[in-house]
């Protein structure tokens, strides 16, 4: 998959294009990509996705922007896995925010990218002051000879598949529902880094995974699987949060995973942590002995959970 960080003055070749933020790449996004691939193949064009970094809401109101479901790297990996040929990664800044809807169509879509087929969500808005909409894109398509199609809402049960719905499920600890919206278990990828070794002191050494977002989409204690670069999943229990028993208020969140019956050095490895079940929220304990007792209970609960999963024949 090719990644472009700037739009050329004149396109080298035409594309089939879909535009969106694609945070989480849930089932609604996956339906868009499936339709994109089919349209691109039918027209002999590369399947191209335009997305933005940072998210426009992070640019306009960083304190009010929602937690990201995927880092930029994770999003790009997911787009590649879903058969995208090109990603047009647009830096969202003041200059882009000031581009008029008409200029966005003529300068970026038509001249810069050579769009021949375009797909957007039925509620898509673009351009300065969000003045552009689906109707404007269709009128311009007649003038500049490109086809426009909208993507209707994708429902999971009676709920719209959306990034907001996934965040709501994760916040509530409804991991199965989040999985239904995503079409996979929610996961976080990152490099294993050195921590303060408190887990080792307590008898439960953990893999500390660097998370790039200071505001993860979920917090608490979870049954997880950790997958190493060799593809082998390992079962364990994870804590994702600010560790209130040992850290001062305002500490950055940390993802720590205790792996069952495992004693290998995996520092520096980029791993994939999938969240299966939430046991509880974080809590602050009176001392480290009490914390250690609770960790033992969490480990026991996670082992019992995965034993039941195996008995039920559930797979990843």
Protein backbone atom coordinates (compact mmCIF):
# COMPACT_ATOMS: atom_id res chain seq x y z
CA UNK A 1 0.00 0.00 0.00
CA UNK A 2 1.32 3.42 -0.96
CA UNK A 3 1.01 6.37 1.43
CA UNK A 4 1.06 9.95 0.14
CA UNK A 5 1.31 12.90 2.50
CA UNK A 6 0.75 15.68 -0.03
CA UNK A 7 -1.59 16.21 -2.97
CA UNK A 8 0.19 16.86 -6.27
CA UNK A 9 -0.73 19.81 -8.46
CA UNK A 10 -1.72 17.37 -11.20
CA UNK A 11 -2.61 13.71 -10.69
CA UNK A 12 -0.32 11.08 -12.20
CA UNK A 13 -3.24 8.69 -12.67
CA UNK A 14 -6.98 8.61 -11.87
CA UNK A 15 -8.33 6.87 -8.76
CA UNK A 16 -11.44 5.48 -7.14
CA UNK A 17 -11.68 7.31 -3.83
CA UNK A 18 -13.36 7.10 -0.44
CA UNK A 19 -13.03 9.87 2.16
CA UNK A 20 -13.31 9.48 5.93
CA UNK A 21 -11.51 9.36 9.26
CA UNK A 22 -11.82 5.56 9.55
CA UNK A 23 -11.13 5.55 13.30
CA UNK A 24 -11.46 1.95 14.48
CA UNK A 25 -12.30 0.61 11.01
CA UNK A 26 -15.65 -0.80 12.20
CA UNK A 27 -18.16 -2.72 10.06
CA UNK A 28 -19.50 0.49 8.49
CA UNK A 29 -15.99 1.42 7.36
CA UNK A 30 -15.39 -2.13 6.14
CA UNK A 31 -18.54 -1.96 4.00
CA UNK A 32 -17.23 1.27 2.45
CA UNK A 33 -13.89 -0.34 1.65
CA UNK A 34 -15.57 -3.39 0.13
CA UNK A 35 -17.61 -1.15 -2.16
CA UNK A 36 -14.48 0.88 -2.98
CA UNK A 37 -12.50 -2.20 -3.96
CA UNK A 38 -15.31 -3.44 -6.19
CA UNK A 39 -15.69 -0.08 -7.94
CA UNK A 40 -11.94 0.28 -8.39
CA UNK A 41 -11.60 -3.20 -9.85
CA UNK A 42 -14.52 -2.68 -12.26
CA UNK A 43 -12.89 0.52 -13.58
CA UNK A 44 -9.27 -0.63 -13.53
CA UNK A 45 -8.35 2.05 -10.98
CA UNK A 46 -6.37 1.98 -7.74
CA UNK A 47 -8.51 1.93 -4.59
CA UNK A 48 -7.61 5.09 -2.69
CA UNK A 49 -8.62 6.32 0.79
CA UNK A 50 -8.34 9.95 1.87
CA UNK A 51 -8.04 10.37 5.62
CA UNK A 52 -6.88 13.09 7.97
CA UNK A 53 -4.24 13.54 10.66
CA UNK A 54 -5.02 14.82 13.17
CA UNK A 55 -8.76 14.16 13.30
CA UNK A 56 -10.54 17.47 12.49
CA UNK A 57 -12.20 17.42 15.92
CA UNK A 58 -8.76 17.16 17.53
CA UNK A 59 -7.69 20.24 15.58
CA UNK A 60 -10.70 22.40 16.39
CA UNK A 61 -11.34 21.31 19.99
CA UNK A 62 -8.53 19.11 21.33
CA UNK A 63 -9.93 19.08 24.87
CA UNK A 64 -13.30 17.85 23.66
CA UNK A 65 -12.19 15.41 20.95
CA UNK A 66 -13.13 11.76 21.51
CA UNK A 67 -10.57 9.12 22.42
CA UNK A 68 -9.00 7.47 19.41
CA UNK A 69 -9.87 3.85 18.77
CA UNK A 70 -6.77 3.30 16.66
CA UNK A 71 -3.42 5.03 16.38
CA UNK A 72 -2.40 6.29 12.95
CA UNK A 73 -0.12 3.29 12.50
CA UNK A 74 -2.89 0.86 13.45
CA UNK A 75 -5.32 2.57 11.07
CA UNK A 76 -2.88 2.33 8.18
CA UNK A 77 -2.22 -1.34 8.94
CA UNK A 78 -5.96 -2.05 8.95
CA UNK A 79 -6.49 -0.18 5.67
CA UNK A 80 -3.71 -2.23 4.07
CA UNK A 81 -5.26 -5.45 5.40
CA UNK A 82 -8.56 -4.49 3.76
CA UNK A 83 -7.04 -4.19 0.30
CA UNK A 84 -6.52 -0.44 -0.05
CA UNK A 85 -3.94 0.42 -2.72
CA UNK A 86 -3.26 4.03 -1.76
CA UNK A 87 -3.80 6.29 1.23
CA UNK A 88 -3.89 10.05 0.80
CA UNK A 89 -2.96 11.19 4.30
CA UNK A 90 -3.94 14.84 4.58
CA UNK A 91 -2.52 16.95 7.39
CA UNK A 92 -5.50 18.74 8.91
CA UNK A 93 -4.36 22.25 9.75
CA UNK A 94 -5.59 25.82 9.50
CA UNK A 95 -4.82 26.00 5.77
CA UNK A 96 -6.86 22.89 4.96
CA UNK A 97 -9.69 24.05 7.24
CA UNK A 98 -9.94 27.25 5.17
CA UNK A 99 -10.23 25.52 1.79
CA UNK A 100 -13.66 26.19 0.30
CA UNK A 101 -15.83 23.28 -0.73
CA UNK A 102 -15.59 24.23 -4.41
CA UNK A 103 -11.79 24.55 -4.25
CA UNK A 104 -11.58 21.18 -2.46
CA UNK A 105 -13.45 19.60 -5.35
CA UNK A 106 -11.60 21.29 -8.20
CA UNK A 107 -8.04 21.57 -6.86
CA UNK A 108 -7.77 18.48 -4.64
CA UNK A 109 -10.23 15.89 -5.92
CA UNK A 110 -10.26 16.62 -9.65
CA UNK A 111 -6.81 18.07 -10.48
CA UNK A 112 -4.71 16.71 -7.64
CA UNK A 113 -6.11 13.20 -7.33
CA UNK A 114 -7.86 12.64 -10.65
CA UNK A 115 -10.94 11.17 -9.01
CA UNK A 116 -13.18 9.15 -11.35
CA UNK A 117 -15.35 7.42 -8.76
CA UNK A 118 -16.08 8.85 -5.33
CA UNK A 119 -17.83 7.39 -2.31
CA UNK A 120 -18.74 9.24 0.89
CA UNK A 121 -21.09 8.69 3.80
CA UNK A 122 -24.62 9.98 3.37
CA UNK A 123 -23.97 12.65 6.04
CA UNK A 124 -20.55 13.72 4.70
CA UNK A 125 -19.69 17.43 5.00
CA UNK A 126 -16.51 19.14 3.82
CA UNK A 127 -14.85 22.46 3.08
CA UNK A 128 -14.65 25.66 5.10
CA UNK A 129 -17.56 25.94 7.56
CA UNK A 130 -18.62 22.44 6.41
CA UNK A 131 -20.38 24.07 3.48
CA UNK A 132 -19.97 21.12 1.09
CA UNK A 133 -22.28 18.12 1.06
CA UNK A 134 -23.27 15.11 -1.03
CA UNK A 135 -25.52 17.18 -3.31
CA UNK A 136 -22.63 19.54 -4.19
CA UNK A 137 -20.34 16.60 -4.94
CA UNK A 138 -22.92 15.12 -7.29
CA UNK A 139 -23.47 18.40 -9.14
CA UNK A 140 -19.72 18.80 -9.55
CA UNK A 141 -19.46 15.20 -10.72
CA UNK A 142 -21.63 16.02 -13.73
CA UNK A 143 -19.34 18.94 -14.58
CA UNK A 144 -16.00 17.20 -14.02
CA UNK A 145 -16.96 13.70 -15.14
CA UNK A 146 -16.73 11.63 -11.99
CA UNK A 147 -19.30 9.34 -10.41
CA UNK A 148 -20.49 9.89 -6.83
CA UNK A 149 -22.09 7.24 -4.64
CA UNK A 150 -23.14 7.49 -1.00
CA UNK A 151 -22.74 4.80 1.61
CA UNK A 152 -25.93 4.14 3.56
CA UNK A 153 -25.90 3.41 7.26
CA UNK A 154 -24.71 -0.06 8.27
CA UNK A 155 -26.73 -1.49 11.15
CA UNK A 156 -25.64 -4.04 13.72
CA UNK A 157 -28.93 -5.20 15.12
CA UNK A 158 -30.83 -1.94 15.36
CA UNK A 159 -27.73 0.21 16.04
CA UNK A 160 -25.70 2.21 13.55
CA UNK A 161 -22.14 0.94 13.25
CA UNK A 162 -20.06 3.99 14.14
CA UNK A 163 -16.92 4.97 15.98
CA UNK A 164 -19.10 6.62 18.62
CA UNK A 165 -21.02 3.38 19.20
CA UNK A 166 -17.75 1.46 19.59
CA UNK A 167 -16.42 4.00 22.12
CA UNK A 168 -19.66 3.81 24.09
CA UNK A 169 -19.46 0.01 24.23
CA UNK A 170 -15.81 0.07 25.33
CA UNK A 171 -16.44 2.68 28.02
CA UNK A 172 -19.26 0.54 29.40
CA UNK A 173 -17.09 -2.60 29.37
CA UNK A 174 -19.35 -4.29 26.80
CA UNK A 175 -16.54 -6.06 24.99
CA UNK A 176 -18.74 -8.50 23.08
CA UNK A 177 -20.86 -5.66 21.74
CA UNK A 178 -17.74 -3.73 20.68
CA UNK A 179 -16.58 -6.88 18.90
CA UNK A 180 -19.89 -7.08 17.03
CA UNK A 181 -19.54 -3.48 15.84
CA UNK A 182 -15.91 -3.91 14.84
CA UNK A 183 -16.14 -7.39 13.34
CA UNK A 184 -13.13 -8.33 15.50
CA UNK A 185 -12.00 -7.96 19.09
CA UNK A 186 -10.89 -4.51 20.11
CA UNK A 187 -7.11 -4.35 20.34
CA UNK A 188 -4.15 -2.08 20.97
CA UNK A 189 -0.74 -2.51 19.35
CA UNK A 190 2.52 -1.17 20.68
CA UNK A 191 6.12 -1.83 21.57
CA UNK A 192 7.05 -3.57 24.82
CA UNK A 193 9.06 -1.09 26.89
CA UNK A 194 10.74 -1.15 30.28
CA UNK A 195 8.58 -0.08 33.21
CA UNK A 196 9.27 0.44 36.91
CA UNK A 197 9.35 -3.34 37.57
CA UNK A 198 6.72 -3.10 40.31
CA UNK A 199 4.90 -6.14 38.93
CA UNK A 200 8.07 -8.19 39.21
CA UNK A 201 8.48 -7.07 42.84
CA UNK A 202 4.93 -8.22 43.55
CA UNK A 203 5.51 -11.60 41.91
CA UNK A 204 3.60 -10.79 38.70
CA UNK A 205 6.04 -9.49 36.07
CA UNK A 206 4.25 -7.61 33.32
CA UNK A 207 4.88 -6.61 29.74
CA UNK A 208 4.51 -2.84 29.56
CA UNK A 209 3.13 -1.76 26.17
CA UNK A 210 3.66 1.78 24.99
CA UNK A 211 0.38 3.39 23.98
CA UNK A 212 0.67 6.53 21.85
CA UNK A 213 -2.65 8.04 22.90
CA UNK A 214 -2.81 9.68 26.33
CA UNK A 215 -6.57 9.07 26.39
CA UNK A 216 -7.32 5.42 25.62
CA UNK A 217 -10.85 4.39 24.74
CA UNK A 218 -11.16 2.02 27.72
CA UNK A 219 -9.84 1.59 31.27
CA UNK A 220 -9.85 -1.27 33.75
CA UNK A 221 -8.78 -4.87 34.30
CA UNK A 222 -9.28 -7.29 31.40
CA UNK A 223 -8.77 -10.84 30.17
CA UNK A 224 -6.57 -10.44 27.08
CA UNK A 225 -4.49 -12.25 24.53
CA UNK A 226 -1.12 -10.86 23.50
CA UNK A 227 0.17 -11.79 20.05
CA UNK A 228 3.89 -11.60 19.35
CA UNK A 229 5.42 -11.00 15.90
CA UNK A 230 5.62 -14.78 15.41
CA UNK A 231 1.83 -14.86 15.49
CA UNK A 232 1.46 -16.93 18.63
CA UNK A 233 -1.29 -15.63 20.98
CA UNK A 234 -0.62 -15.79 24.71
CA UNK A 235 -3.30 -15.52 27.37
CA UNK A 236 -3.10 -13.13 30.28
CA UNK A 237 -4.68 -10.41 32.36
CA UNK A 238 -4.15 -6.72 31.65
CA UNK A 239 -4.44 -3.48 33.53
CA UNK A 240 -5.04 -0.34 31.48
CA UNK A 241 -5.08 2.83 33.51
CA UNK A 242 -3.24 5.25 35.75
CA UNK A 243 -2.36 2.83 38.61
CA UNK A 244 -3.82 4.95 41.44
CA UNK A 245 -2.29 2.82 44.22
CA UNK A 246 1.29 3.65 43.22
CA UNK A 247 1.07 6.79 41.05
CA UNK A 248 0.12 10.37 41.80
CA UNK A 249 -3.03 11.89 40.40
CA UNK A 250 -2.64 12.93 36.77
CA UNK A 251 -0.27 10.11 35.82
CA UNK A 252 -0.26 8.93 32.21
CA UNK A 253 -2.19 5.73 31.47
CA UNK A 254 -0.20 2.50 31.19
CA UNK A 255 -1.03 -0.85 29.58
CA UNK A 256 0.47 -3.74 31.56
CA UNK A 257 -0.06 -7.40 30.68
CA UNK A 258 0.73 -10.37 32.95
CA UNK A 259 1.08 -13.48 30.77
CA UNK A 260 0.27 -16.89 32.17
CA UNK A 261 3.19 -19.32 32.51
CA UNK A 262 5.53 -17.12 30.48
CA UNK A 263 9.08 -16.04 31.25
CA UNK A 264 10.74 -14.77 28.06
CA UNK A 265 12.38 -11.45 27.28
CA UNK A 266 10.16 -9.58 24.80
CA UNK A 267 11.46 -6.04 25.29
CA UNK A 268 11.38 -4.13 22.02
CA UNK A 269 8.84 -6.40 20.33
CA UNK A 270 5.77 -4.82 18.78
CA UNK A 271 2.82 -6.79 20.11
CA UNK A 272 -0.93 -6.88 19.62
CA UNK A 273 -3.19 -6.97 22.72
CA UNK A 274 -6.80 -8.10 22.16
CA UNK A 275 -9.37 -7.37 24.89
CA UNK A 276 -11.78 -10.26 25.56
CA UNK A 277 -13.55 -9.45 28.80
CA UNK A 278 -13.62 -6.68 31.39
CA UNK A 279 -13.56 -7.73 35.04
CA UNK A 280 -13.63 -4.43 36.87
CA UNK A 281 -12.53 -0.80 36.98
CA UNK A 282 -9.25 0.34 38.49
CA UNK A 283 -9.18 0.80 42.25
CA UNK A 284 -6.84 2.39 44.78
CA UNK A 285 -5.66 0.04 47.55
CA UNK A 286 -4.37 0.90 51.01
CA UNK A 287 -1.00 -0.81 50.50
CA UNK A 288 0.97 -3.03 48.12
CA UNK A 289 0.05 -6.23 49.98
CA UNK A 290 -3.63 -5.55 49.35
CA UNK A 291 -2.87 -4.77 45.72
CA UNK A 292 -0.96 -8.05 45.39
CA UNK A 293 -3.92 -9.99 46.81
CA UNK A 294 -6.22 -8.36 44.26
CA UNK A 295 -3.83 -9.16 41.41
CA UNK A 296 -3.91 -12.80 42.47
CA UNK A 297 -7.72 -12.74 42.32
CA UNK A 298 -7.63 -11.10 38.88
CA UNK A 299 -5.20 -13.70 37.54
CA UNK A 300 -7.38 -16.50 38.90
CA UNK A 301 -10.48 -14.95 37.34
CA UNK A 302 -8.75 -14.58 33.96
CA UNK A 303 -7.56 -18.19 34.01
CA UNK A 304 -11.09 -19.34 34.81
CA UNK A 305 -12.49 -17.13 32.04
CA UNK A 306 -10.20 -18.59 29.38
CA UNK A 307 -10.87 -22.11 30.64
CA UNK A 308 -14.57 -21.49 30.06
CA UNK A 309 -13.84 -19.96 26.66
CA UNK A 310 -11.98 -23.13 25.69
CA UNK A 311 -14.79 -25.32 27.01
CA UNK A 312 -17.28 -23.32 24.94
CA UNK A 313 -15.15 -23.71 21.81
CA UNK A 314 -14.80 -19.94 21.31
CA UNK A 315 -11.91 -18.82 19.11
CA UNK A 316 -10.32 -15.43 18.47
